[in-house]
Amino acid sequence: MSAAAPLQPLLRLGEVAALADQARAAVAAVHRRPVSLRRADVTGSESVLRGARTSALLDDPTIRLGDEPVGVLGSSISVSSMLAPESLQASARVFSRAPLQILARMAVGAGGTGRPEGSPERLQRLAALISSGTAHDVLLPQVVHAEILAHELLGERSGLVARAAARLTAVTTGLDPRGLAVPETYLLRHRAGYLAATQAWAAGSAVEFLELSLRSWIAGAEEAEAIARAL
């Protein structure tokens, strides 16, 4: 059985297969840049900060990024602290074998209880998929993102957790091993489409979310390139 077998049918939807290949190639190109190899801690820190701020805006477009990091912004920064370069690999190691432990910590950082909400059974199935080590390297982060967000598996701050968990999943699968891409910026530019695709996923249609989310990783690689060029 192929290592990509659990999510293989999703590659037959719309432009998913082509976009998955583009996302993989775009992120890999960023990681090959000399500055990404020499100063991944610097580029990774900027990526996490931009992602945290943008993720907060996705949940609450009225916040001002110059404000004190409280409320949604503070929650987003707290959740994303697990993605900071000094924490990233330790978080990824635990996540790959005990994803519920990391998701609970993210949920607490987001201001929740850390206990599953929505469908605990659905969250258990998702955790089993993450820890199986057999899911598609590019599609798994998108599925983790969509499942947590669309079904609010970790309460009202599921969006913050879903986006951070997608990033961490990309580290564990090897799509983005140093956490350099910033997919959140594309999602903010296409916020209405993002919300619509989330609703479509909840209703049982996967293609809209997968295509939009994969495009966000392609654009997120471009954002990472811009960070690298600025150093």
C-alpha atoms as a PDB file:
ATOM      1  CA  MET A   1       0.000   0.000   0.000  1.00  0.00           C
ATOM      2  CA  SER A   2       1.261   3.468  -0.885  1.00  0.00           C
ATOM      3  CA  ALA A   3       2.383   5.694   1.974  1.00  0.00           C
ATOM      4  CA  ALA A   4      -0.053   8.279   0.623  1.00  0.00           C
ATOM      5  CA  ALA A   5      -2.965   5.820   0.577  1.00  0.00           C
ATOM      6  CA  PRO A   6      -5.253   7.256   3.309  1.00  0.00           C
ATOM      7  CA  LEU A   7      -5.729  10.544   1.458  1.00  0.00           C
ATOM      8  CA  GLN A   8      -5.030   9.338  -2.071  1.00  0.00           C
ATOM      9  CA  PRO A   9      -8.651   9.722  -3.292  1.00  0.00           C
ATOM     10  CA  LEU A  10      -8.488  13.461  -2.597  1.00  0.00           C
ATOM     11  CA  LEU A  11      -5.866  13.829  -5.333  1.00  0.00           C
ATOM     12  CA  ARG A  12      -8.569  13.057  -7.900  1.00  0.00           C
ATOM     13  CA  LEU A  13     -10.588  16.136  -6.946  1.00  0.00           C
ATOM     14  CA  GLY A  14     -10.428  19.212  -9.163  1.00  0.00           C
ATOM     15  CA  GLU A  15      -6.922  20.697  -9.363  1.00  0.00           C
ATOM     16  CA  VAL A  16      -5.792  19.165  -6.067  1.00  0.00           C
ATOM     17  CA  ALA A  17      -3.038  16.929  -7.492  1.00  0.00           C
ATOM     18  CA  ALA A  18      -1.456  19.697  -9.560  1.00  0.00           C
ATOM     19  CA  LEU A  19      -1.671  22.235  -6.732  1.00  0.00           C
ATOM     20  CA  ALA A  20      -0.154  19.742  -4.278  1.00  0.00           C
ATOM     21  CA  ASP A  21       2.841  19.307  -6.582  1.00  0.00           C
ATOM     22  CA  GLN A  22       3.199  23.078  -6.954  1.00  0.00           C
ATOM     23  CA  ALA A  23       3.013  23.626  -3.201  1.00  0.00           C
ATOM     24  CA  ARG A  24       5.649  20.970  -2.526  1.00  0.00           C
ATOM     25  CA  ALA A  25       8.002  22.453  -5.136  1.00  0.00           C
ATOM     26  CA  ALA A  26       7.464  26.053  -3.987  1.00  0.00           C
ATOM     27  CA  VAL A  27       8.179  25.330  -0.325  1.00  0.00           C
ATOM     28  CA  ALA A  28      11.159  23.128  -1.157  1.00  0.00           C
ATOM     29  CA  ALA A  29      12.677  25.960  -3.199  1.00  0.00           C
ATOM     30  CA  VAL A  30      12.542  28.277  -0.186  1.00  0.00           C
ATOM     31  CA  HIS A  31      14.338  25.714   1.952  1.00  0.00           C
ATOM     32  CA  ARG A  32      17.152  25.467  -0.592  1.00  0.00           C
ATOM     33  CA  ARG A  33      17.976  29.169  -0.350  1.00  0.00           C
ATOM     34  CA  PRO A  34      21.351  29.693   1.380  1.00  0.00           C
ATOM     35  CA  VAL A  35      19.823  32.133   3.875  1.00  0.00           C
ATOM     36  CA  SER A  36      17.218  29.535   4.805  1.00  0.00           C
ATOM     37  CA  LEU A  37      19.982  27.065   5.550  1.00  0.00           C
ATOM     38  CA  ARG A  38      22.203  29.508   7.453  1.00  0.00           C
ATOM     39  CA  ARG A  39      19.599  31.578   9.277  1.00  0.00           C
ATOM     40  CA  ALA A  40      16.490  29.441   9.544  1.00  0.00           C
ATOM     41  CA  ASP A  41      15.992  30.679  13.097  1.00  0.00           C
ATOM     42  CA  VAL A  42      15.637  34.261  11.870  1.00  0.00           C
ATOM     43  CA  THR A  43      13.436  33.514   8.878  1.00  0.00           C
ATOM     44  CA  GLY A  44      11.391  31.051  10.926  1.00  0.00           C
ATOM     45  CA  SER A  45      10.811  33.602  13.708  1.00  0.00           C
ATOM     46  CA  GLU A  46       9.548  36.182  11.234  1.00  0.00           C
ATOM     47  CA  SER A  47       7.325  33.588   9.568  1.00  0.00           C
ATOM     48  CA  VAL A  48       5.733  32.608  12.885  1.00  0.00           C
ATOM     49  CA  LEU A  49       5.158  36.219  13.909  1.00  0.00           C
ATOM     50  CA  ARG A  50       3.555  37.147  10.593  1.00  0.00           C
ATOM     51  CA  GLY A  51       1.458  34.013  10.689  1.00  0.00           C
ATOM     52  CA  ALA A  52       0.257  34.645  14.247  1.00  0.00           C
ATOM     53  CA  ARG A  53      -0.748  38.224  13.505  1.00  0.00           C
ATOM     54  CA  THR A  54      -2.512  37.265  10.303  1.00  0.00           C
ATOM     55  CA  SER A  55      -4.266  34.335  11.939  1.00  0.00           C
ATOM     56  CA  ALA A  56      -5.647  36.735  14.549  1.00  0.00           C
ATOM     57  CA  LEU A  57      -6.942  39.020  11.791  1.00  0.00           C
ATOM     58  CA  LEU A  58      -8.689  36.076  10.170  1.00  0.00           C
ATOM     59  CA  ASP A  59     -10.645  35.536  13.371  1.00  0.00           C
ATOM     60  CA  ASP A  60     -11.190  39.239  14.091  1.00  0.00           C
ATOM     61  CA  PRO A  61     -10.534  41.699  11.234  1.00  0.00           C
ATOM     62  CA  THR A  62     -11.151  44.649  13.590  1.00  0.00           C
ATOM     63  CA  ILE A  63      -8.022  44.143  15.702  1.00  0.00           C
ATOM     64  CA  ARG A  64      -5.080  46.503  15.312  1.00  0.00           C
ATOM     65  CA  LEU A  65      -1.710  44.832  15.181  1.00  0.00           C
ATOM     66  CA  GLY A  66      -0.064  47.701  17.050  1.00  0.00           C
ATOM     67  CA  ASP A  67      -2.224  47.077  20.094  1.00  0.00           C
ATOM     68  CA  GLU A  68      -1.103  45.167  23.161  1.00  0.00           C
ATOM     69  CA  PRO A  69      -1.117  41.395  22.463  1.00  0.00           C
ATOM     70  CA  VAL A  70      -4.327  40.618  24.337  1.00  0.00           C
ATOM     71  CA  GLY A  71      -7.614  39.045  23.259  1.00  0.00           C
ATOM     72  CA  VAL A  72      -7.516  37.232  19.945  1.00  0.00           C
ATOM     73  CA  LEU A  73      -4.088  38.627  19.089  1.00  0.00           C
ATOM     74  CA  GLY A  74      -2.638  37.489  22.396  1.00  0.00           C
ATOM     75  CA  SER A  75      -4.233  34.070  21.981  1.00  0.00           C
ATOM     76  CA  SER A  76      -2.822  33.701  18.485  1.00  0.00           C
ATOM     77  CA  ILE A  77       0.684  34.605  19.617  1.00  0.00           C
ATOM     78  CA  SER A  78       0.388  32.165  22.517  1.00  0.00           C
ATOM     79  CA  VAL A  79      -0.676  29.318  20.232  1.00  0.00           C
ATOM     80  CA  SER A  80       2.057  30.110  17.732  1.00  0.00           C
ATOM     81  CA  SER A  81       4.765  30.101  20.393  1.00  0.00           C
ATOM     82  CA  MET A  82       4.863  26.333  19.915  1.00  0.00           C
ATOM     83  CA  LEU A  83       6.023  26.986  16.341  1.00  0.00           C
ATOM     84  CA  ALA A  84       8.895  29.292  17.271  1.00  0.00           C
ATOM     85  CA  PRO A  85      12.304  28.010  16.111  1.00  0.00           C
ATOM     86  CA  GLU A  86      13.446  27.165  19.638  1.00  0.00           C
ATOM     87  CA  SER A  87      10.287  25.080  20.230  1.00  0.00           C
ATOM     88  CA  LEU A  88       9.446  23.804  16.771  1.00  0.00           C
ATOM     89  CA  GLN A  89      11.275  20.491  16.600  1.00  0.00           C
ATOM     90  CA  ALA A  90      10.272  19.468  20.133  1.00  0.00           C
ATOM     91  CA  SER A  91       6.644  20.316  19.333  1.00  0.00           C
ATOM     92  CA  ALA A  92       6.849  18.351  16.094  1.00  0.00           C
ATOM     93  CA  ARG A  93       8.278  15.255  17.794  1.00  0.00           C
ATOM     94  CA  VAL A  94       5.465  15.144  20.334  1.00  0.00           C
ATOM     95  CA  PHE A  95       2.837  16.004  17.744  1.00  0.00           C
ATOM     96  CA  SER A  96       3.853  13.147  15.458  1.00  0.00           C
ATOM     97  CA  ARG A  97       3.234  10.537  18.147  1.00  0.00           C
ATOM     98  CA  ALA A  98       0.748  12.232  20.515  1.00  0.00           C
ATOM     99  CA  PRO A  99      -1.102  14.880  18.507  1.00  0.00           C
ATOM    100  CA  LEU A 100      -3.924  15.270  21.018  1.00  0.00           C
ATOM    101  CA  GLN A 101      -1.419  16.418  23.628  1.00  0.00           C
ATOM    102  CA  ILE A 102      -0.185  19.255  21.418  1.00  0.00           C
ATOM    103  CA  LEU A 103      -3.680  20.175  20.223  1.00  0.00           C
ATOM    104  CA  ALA A 104      -4.850  20.427  23.835  1.00  0.00           C
ATOM    105  CA  ARG A 105      -1.937  22.756  24.648  1.00  0.00           C
ATOM    106  CA  MET A 106      -2.761  24.884  21.622  1.00  0.00           C
ATOM    107  CA  ALA A 107      -6.409  25.055  22.663  1.00  0.00           C
ATOM    108  CA  VAL A 108      -5.426  26.217  26.143  1.00  0.00           C
ATOM    109  CA  GLY A 109      -3.119  28.823  24.606  1.00  0.00           C
ATOM    110  CA  ALA A 110      -6.078  30.016  22.549  1.00  0.00           C
ATOM    111  CA  GLY A 111      -8.111  30.516  25.700  1.00  0.00           C
ATOM    112  CA  GLY A 112     -10.027  27.238  25.675  1.00  0.00           C
ATOM    113  CA  THR A 113     -10.215  24.352  28.086  1.00  0.00           C
ATOM    114  CA  GLY A 114      -8.038  21.995  26.069  1.00  0.00           C
ATOM    115  CA  ARG A 115     -10.818  19.421  25.996  1.00  0.00           C
ATOM    116  CA  PRO A 116     -12.326  18.232  22.704  1.00  0.00           C
ATOM    117  CA  GLU A 117     -15.519  19.908  21.609  1.00  0.00           C
ATOM    118  CA  GLY A 118     -17.752  19.229  18.639  1.00  0.00           C
ATOM    119  CA  SER A 119     -17.139  15.576  17.848  1.00  0.00           C
ATOM    120  CA  PRO A 120     -14.531  13.900  20.101  1.00  0.00           C
ATOM    121  CA  GLU A 121     -14.703  10.828  17.873  1.00  0.00           C
ATOM    122  CA  ARG A 122     -13.816  12.915  14.831  1.00  0.00           C
ATOM    123  CA  LEU A 123     -10.861  14.401  16.678  1.00  0.00           C
ATOM    124  CA  GLN A 124      -9.692  10.932  17.680  1.00  0.00           C
ATOM    125  CA  ARG A 125      -9.820   9.780  14.055  1.00  0.00           C
ATOM    126  CA  LEU A 126      -7.855  12.841  12.977  1.00  0.00           C
ATOM    127  CA  ALA A 127      -5.246  12.195  15.655  1.00  0.00           C
ATOM    128  CA  ALA A 128      -4.915   8.600  14.499  1.00  0.00           C
ATOM    129  CA  LEU A 129      -4.342   9.793  10.928  1.00  0.00           C
ATOM    130  CA  ILE A 130      -1.653  12.248  12.070  1.00  0.00           C
ATOM    131  CA  SER A 131       0.206   9.693  14.161  1.00  0.00           C
ATOM    132  CA  SER A 132      -0.071   6.921  11.567  1.00  0.00           C
ATOM    133  CA  GLY A 133       2.782   8.360   9.523  1.00  0.00           C
ATOM    134  CA  THR A 134       1.102   7.112   6.340  1.00  0.00           C
ATOM    135  CA  ALA A 135      -0.790  10.192   5.170  1.00  0.00           C
ATOM    136  CA  HIS A 136       0.114  12.334   2.167  1.00  0.00           C
ATOM    137  CA  ASP A 137       2.836  14.867   3.009  1.00  0.00           C
ATOM    138  CA  VAL A 138       1.091  17.835   1.375  1.00  0.00           C
ATOM    139  CA  LEU A 139      -2.566  16.928   1.871  1.00  0.00           C
ATOM    140  CA  LEU A 140      -2.396  16.031   5.554  1.00  0.00           C
ATOM    141  CA  PRO A 141      -1.776  19.637   6.716  1.00  0.00           C
ATOM    142  CA  GLN A 142      -4.804  20.767   4.685  1.00  0.00           C
ATOM    143  CA  VAL A 143      -7.019  18.027   6.126  1.00  0.00           C
ATOM    144  CA  VAL A 144      -5.904  18.793   9.696  1.00  0.00           C
ATOM    145  CA  HIS A 145      -6.663  22.471   9.104  1.00  0.00           C
ATOM    146  CA  ALA A 146     -10.088  21.829   7.591  1.00  0.00           C
ATOM    147  CA  GLU A 147     -11.249  19.232  10.105  1.00  0.00           C
ATOM    148  CA  ILE A 148     -10.406  21.274  13.198  1.00  0.00           C
ATOM    149  CA  LEU A 149     -11.785  24.504  11.758  1.00  0.00           C
ATOM    150  CA  ALA A 150     -14.899  23.326   9.951  1.00  0.00           C
ATOM    151  CA  HIS A 151     -16.106  21.077  12.772  1.00  0.00           C
ATOM    152  CA  GLU A 152     -14.888  23.350  15.612  1.00  0.00           C
ATOM    153  CA  LEU A 153     -13.194  20.391  17.251  1.00  0.00           C
ATOM    154  CA  LEU A 154     -11.507  22.585  19.864  1.00  0.00           C
ATOM    155  CA  GLY A 155     -14.161  25.187  20.578  1.00  0.00           C
ATOM    156  CA  GLU A 156     -14.671  28.750  19.450  1.00  0.00           C
ATOM    157  CA  ARG A 157     -10.954  29.373  18.904  1.00  0.00           C
ATOM    158  CA  SER A 158     -10.641  26.381  16.589  1.00  0.00           C
ATOM    159  CA  GLY A 159      -9.458  28.646  13.776  1.00  0.00           C
ATOM    160  CA  LEU A 160      -6.314  29.700  15.638  1.00  0.00           C
ATOM    161  CA  VAL A 161      -5.582  26.099  16.564  1.00  0.00           C
ATOM    162  CA  ALA A 162      -6.357  24.772  13.080  1.00  0.00           C
ATOM    163  CA  ARG A 163      -3.961  27.133  11.340  1.00  0.00           C
ATOM    164  CA  ALA A 164      -1.142  26.511  13.826  1.00  0.00           C
ATOM    165  CA  ALA A 165      -1.758  22.756  13.704  1.00  0.00           C
ATOM    166  CA  ALA A 166      -1.616  22.817   9.897  1.00  0.00           C
ATOM    167  CA  ARG A 167       1.791  24.490  10.083  1.00  0.00           C
ATOM    168  CA  LEU A 168       3.037  21.948  12.619  1.00  0.00           C
ATOM    169  CA  THR A 169       1.694  19.090  10.505  1.00  0.00           C
ATOM    170  CA  ALA A 170       3.651  20.462   7.550  1.00  0.00           C
ATOM    171  CA  VAL A 171       6.793  20.278   9.673  1.00  0.00           C
ATOM    172  CA  THR A 172       6.165  16.665  10.661  1.00  0.00           C
ATOM    173  CA  THR A 173       5.338  15.501   7.127  1.00  0.00           C
ATOM    174  CA  GLY A 174       8.373  17.236   5.630  1.00  0.00           C
ATOM    175  CA  LEU A 175       6.381  19.678   3.517  1.00  0.00           C
ATOM    176  CA  ASP A 176       7.851  22.610   5.470  1.00  0.00           C
ATOM    177  CA  PRO A 177      10.411  21.117   7.878  1.00  0.00           C
ATOM    178  CA  ARG A 178      11.706  24.455   9.215  1.00  0.00           C
ATOM    179  CA  GLY A 179       8.344  26.219   9.309  1.00  0.00           C
ATOM    180  CA  LEU A 180       9.238  28.970   6.849  1.00  0.00           C
ATOM    181  CA  ALA A 181       6.073  29.376   4.760  1.00  0.00           C
ATOM    182  CA  VAL A 182       3.367  31.889   5.677  1.00  0.00           C
ATOM    183  CA  PRO A 183       0.093  30.554   4.229  1.00  0.00           C
ATOM    184  CA  GLU A 184      -2.053  32.804   6.424  1.00  0.00           C
ATOM    185  CA  THR A 185      -1.446  35.892   4.282  1.00  0.00           C
ATOM    186  CA  TYR A 186      -3.209  34.342   1.285  1.00  0.00           C
ATOM    187  CA  LEU A 187      -6.089  33.213   3.475  1.00  0.00           C
ATOM    188  CA  LEU A 188      -6.563  36.763   4.752  1.00  0.00           C
ATOM    189  CA  ARG A 189      -6.574  38.175   1.217  1.00  0.00           C
ATOM    190  CA  HIS A 190      -9.213  35.589   0.300  1.00  0.00           C
ATOM    191  CA  ARG A 191     -11.060  35.558   3.615  1.00  0.00           C
ATOM    192  CA  ALA A 192     -14.551  35.310   2.103  1.00  0.00           C
ATOM    193  CA  GLY A 193     -13.526  32.345  -0.021  1.00  0.00           C
ATOM    194  CA  TYR A 194     -11.819  30.777   2.984  1.00  0.00           C
ATOM    195  CA  LEU A 195     -14.990  31.008   5.055  1.00  0.00           C
ATOM    196  CA  ALA A 196     -17.081  29.635   2.186  1.00  0.00           C
ATOM    197  CA  ALA A 197     -14.675  26.742   1.638  1.00  0.00           C
ATOM    198  CA  THR A 198     -14.784  25.956   5.354  1.00  0.00           C
ATOM    199  CA  GLN A 199     -18.574  25.765   5.222  1.00  0.00           C
ATOM    200  CA  ALA A 200     -18.346  23.538   2.153  1.00  0.00           C
ATOM    201  CA  TRP A 201     -16.010  21.161   4.009  1.00  0.00           C
ATOM    202  CA  ALA A 202     -18.436  20.998   6.927  1.00  0.00           C
ATOM    203  CA  ALA A 203     -21.176  20.124   4.452  1.00  0.00           C
ATOM    204  CA  GLY A 204     -19.121  17.293   2.969  1.00  0.00           C
ATOM    205  CA  SER A 205     -17.417  18.884  -0.048  1.00  0.00           C
ATOM    206  CA  ALA A 206     -13.622  18.860   0.182  1.00  0.00           C
ATOM    207  CA  VAL A 207     -12.429  20.254  -3.128  1.00  0.00           C
ATOM    208  CA  GLU A 208     -13.039  23.943  -2.396  1.00  0.00           C
ATOM    209  CA  PHE A 209     -11.031  23.953   0.798  1.00  0.00           C
ATOM    210  CA  LEU A 210      -8.212  21.810  -0.540  1.00  0.00           C
ATOM    211  CA  GLU A 211      -7.679  23.962  -3.623  1.00  0.00           C
ATOM    212  CA  LEU A 212      -7.774  27.229  -1.679  1.00  0.00           C
ATOM    213  CA  SER A 213      -5.550  25.917   1.104  1.00  0.00           C
ATOM    214  CA  LEU A 214      -2.966  24.539  -1.309  1.00  0.00           C
ATOM    215  CA  ARG A 215      -2.866  27.896  -3.093  1.00  0.00           C
ATOM    216  CA  SER A 216      -2.225  29.483   0.302  1.00  0.00           C
ATOM    217  CA  TRP A 217       0.896  27.318   0.695  1.00  0.00           C
ATOM    218  CA  ILE A 218       2.135  28.283  -2.754  1.00  0.00           C
ATOM    219  CA  ALA A 219       1.638  31.950  -1.860  1.00  0.00           C
ATOM    220  CA  GLY A 220       3.066  31.260   1.595  1.00  0.00           C
ATOM    221  CA  ALA A 221       6.284  30.097  -0.021  1.00  0.00           C
ATOM    222  CA  GLU A 222       6.415  33.396  -1.931  1.00  0.00           C
ATOM    223  CA  GLU A 223       6.014  35.234   1.388  1.00  0.00           C
ATOM    224  CA  ALA A 224       8.895  33.202   2.801  1.00  0.00           C
ATOM    225  CA  GLU A 225      10.995  34.160  -0.235  1.00  0.00           C
ATOM    226  CA  ALA A 226      10.292  37.807   0.515  1.00  0.00           C
ATOM    227  CA  ILE A 227      11.430  37.327   4.114  1.00  0.00           C
ATOM    228  CA  ALA A 228      14.622  35.632   2.913  1.00  0.00           C
ATOM    229  CA  ARG A 229      15.364  38.419   0.397  1.00  0.00           C
ATOM    230  CA  ALA A 230      15.012  41.044   3.128  1.00  0.00           C
ATOM    231  CA  LEU A 231      17.824  39.522   5.204  1.00  0.00           C
END
